[in-house]
Amino acid sequence: MKKIAITLVLFTILIVLLLNQNFKDIQISKYETIEEVKENNAIKEGWIPAILPESAFEIVESHELDTQILYGSFKYKEKDEEKFIKNLISSSASDEILTWGNFLFKVDKKENIVKFKNRSNLTSKQTL
């Protein structure tokens, strides 16, 4: 009986450890407009870059609470493209990755979509 109780306790501990490693605490937020982003303090929290163009819409960000790694994207109207890109700095020889503050950006000018992520936790295996 004692062996069964010890086995059950060890089995339970093993299951808890496996679940904690495999299920990360990820938060995903979606906003239709930049006004919603501001109302939810996502810029103040550091989840959304403050440089978003006023026409930004379909804004999505996801971040892992434990590691603070975050990814996001948004669409924008073409009228804001030049002003937005003018504030970004090229960070690669190909000019594909742009930076502003603690964020990296990849701009798709054909589709008017921007992908972003935070720079502080970037590893060589992670991409935009």
Protein backbone atom coordinates (compact mmCIF):
# COMPACT_ATOMS: atom_id res chain seq x y z
CA MET A 1 0.00 0.00 0.00
CA LYS A 2 2.86 2.36 0.88
CA LYS A 3 4.57 1.67 -2.47
CA ILE A 4 1.36 2.47 -4.35
CA ALA A 5 0.97 5.80 -2.51
CA ILE A 6 4.60 6.77 -3.22
CA THR A 7 4.21 5.77 -6.87
CA LEU A 8 1.06 7.88 -7.20
CA VAL A 9 2.76 10.91 -5.62
CA LEU A 10 5.79 10.57 -7.91
CA PHE A 11 3.55 10.09 -10.94
CA THR A 12 1.54 13.22 -10.04
CA ILE A 13 4.73 15.27 -9.62
CA LEU A 14 6.00 14.04 -12.99
CA ILE A 15 2.73 14.99 -14.72
CA VAL A 16 2.76 18.48 -13.16
CA LEU A 17 6.36 19.06 -14.24
CA LEU A 18 5.65 17.92 -17.80
CA LEU A 19 2.57 20.11 -18.08
CA ASN A 20 4.43 23.16 -16.80
CA GLN A 21 7.16 22.75 -19.40
CA ASN A 22 4.86 22.07 -22.34
CA PHE A 23 2.18 24.71 -21.74
CA LYS A 24 3.71 28.15 -21.70
CA ASP A 25 1.78 31.11 -20.37
CA ILE A 26 1.07 32.99 -23.61
CA GLN A 27 -1.28 35.94 -23.86
CA ILE A 28 -2.77 36.96 -27.21
CA SER A 29 -4.50 40.31 -27.70
CA LYS A 30 -6.34 41.58 -30.77
CA TYR A 31 -7.34 45.17 -31.43
CA GLU A 32 -9.30 46.55 -34.37
CA THR A 33 -7.91 50.09 -34.08
CA ILE A 34 -5.11 52.03 -32.44
CA GLU A 35 -7.72 53.61 -30.16
CA GLU A 36 -8.42 50.17 -28.66
CA VAL A 37 -4.67 49.69 -28.13
CA LYS A 38 -4.50 52.96 -26.21
CA GLU A 39 -7.62 52.19 -24.17
CA ASN A 40 -6.10 48.88 -23.06
CA ASN A 41 -2.73 50.45 -22.17
CA ALA A 42 -0.90 48.00 -24.46
CA ILE A 43 1.63 50.68 -25.43
CA LYS A 44 2.32 51.59 -21.80
CA GLU A 45 2.76 47.90 -20.97
CA GLY A 46 5.33 47.60 -23.79
CA TRP A 47 3.35 45.05 -25.80
CA ILE A 48 2.69 47.40 -28.72
CA PRO A 49 5.21 49.92 -30.10
CA ALA A 50 4.20 53.56 -29.65
CA ILE A 51 5.25 54.30 -33.23
CA LEU A 52 2.19 52.66 -34.82
CA PRO A 53 0.65 54.78 -37.57
CA GLU A 54 -2.75 56.34 -36.80
CA SER A 55 -4.33 54.22 -39.53
CA ALA A 56 -3.14 50.95 -37.95
CA PHE A 57 -5.86 48.30 -37.76
CA GLU A 58 -6.21 44.55 -37.18
CA ILE A 59 -3.48 44.83 -34.56
CA VAL A 60 -2.45 41.55 -32.95
CA GLU A 61 0.21 40.84 -30.35
CA SER A 62 1.17 37.74 -28.45
CA HIS A 63 3.68 37.50 -25.66
CA GLU A 64 4.99 34.81 -23.39
CA LEU A 65 4.69 36.05 -19.84
CA ASP A 66 7.67 34.08 -18.53
CA THR A 67 10.24 35.08 -21.16
CA GLN A 68 8.74 38.41 -22.27
CA ILE A 69 9.17 37.40 -25.93
CA LEU A 70 6.56 39.10 -28.03
CA TYR A 71 5.38 39.00 -31.63
CA GLY A 72 2.81 41.17 -33.33
CA SER A 73 1.44 42.47 -36.56
CA PHE A 74 -0.81 45.18 -37.92
CA LYS A 75 -2.16 46.49 -41.17
CA TYR A 76 -2.02 50.13 -42.18
CA LYS A 77 -3.35 52.46 -44.84
CA GLU A 78 -0.91 53.41 -47.58
CA LYS A 79 -1.20 57.12 -46.74
CA ASP A 80 0.80 56.51 -43.52
CA GLU A 81 3.53 54.30 -45.02
CA GLU A 82 6.15 56.97 -45.78
CA LYS A 83 5.79 58.71 -42.41
CA PHE A 84 5.94 55.39 -40.53
CA ILE A 85 8.98 54.02 -42.37
CA LYS A 86 10.84 57.34 -42.12
CA ASN A 87 11.06 56.84 -38.33
CA LEU A 88 12.56 53.35 -38.59
CA ILE A 89 16.26 52.50 -38.83
CA SER A 90 17.68 49.76 -41.03
CA SER A 91 19.29 46.99 -39.00
CA SER A 92 20.47 44.68 -41.77
CA ALA A 93 22.37 44.85 -45.01
CA SER A 94 19.24 43.90 -46.94
CA ASP A 95 17.13 46.67 -45.34
CA GLU A 96 14.52 43.98 -44.67
CA ILE A 97 14.55 44.36 -40.87
CA LEU A 98 13.96 47.82 -39.44
CA THR A 99 14.24 48.98 -35.84
CA TRP A 100 12.71 51.53 -33.54
CA GLY A 101 13.37 51.51 -29.81
CA ASN A 102 13.20 47.95 -28.51
CA PHE A 103 11.28 46.66 -31.54
CA LEU A 104 12.17 45.03 -34.85
CA PHE A 105 9.88 45.49 -37.84
CA LYS A 106 9.39 43.79 -41.18
CA VAL A 107 7.25 45.84 -43.58
CA ASP A 108 5.36 44.31 -46.49
CA LYS A 109 4.65 47.35 -48.67
CA LYS A 110 2.59 45.36 -51.18
CA GLU A 111 0.12 44.10 -48.58
CA ASN A 112 0.49 47.05 -46.14
CA ILE A 113 1.25 44.67 -43.28
CA VAL A 114 3.90 45.07 -40.61
CA LYS A 115 5.23 42.27 -38.40
CA PHE A 116 7.08 43.21 -35.23
CA LYS A 117 8.78 41.66 -32.23
CA ASN A 118 10.75 42.85 -29.27
CA ARG A 119 14.50 42.98 -29.73
CA SER A 120 15.69 42.24 -26.19
CA ASN A 121 15.12 38.49 -26.35
CA LEU A 122 15.94 37.82 -30.00
CA THR A 123 18.03 34.73 -30.65
CA SER A 124 19.56 33.61 -33.90
CA LYS A 125 16.80 30.99 -34.32
CA GLN A 126 13.94 33.46 -34.04
CA THR A 127 12.67 35.46 -37.00
CA LEU A 128 9.97 37.96 -37.71
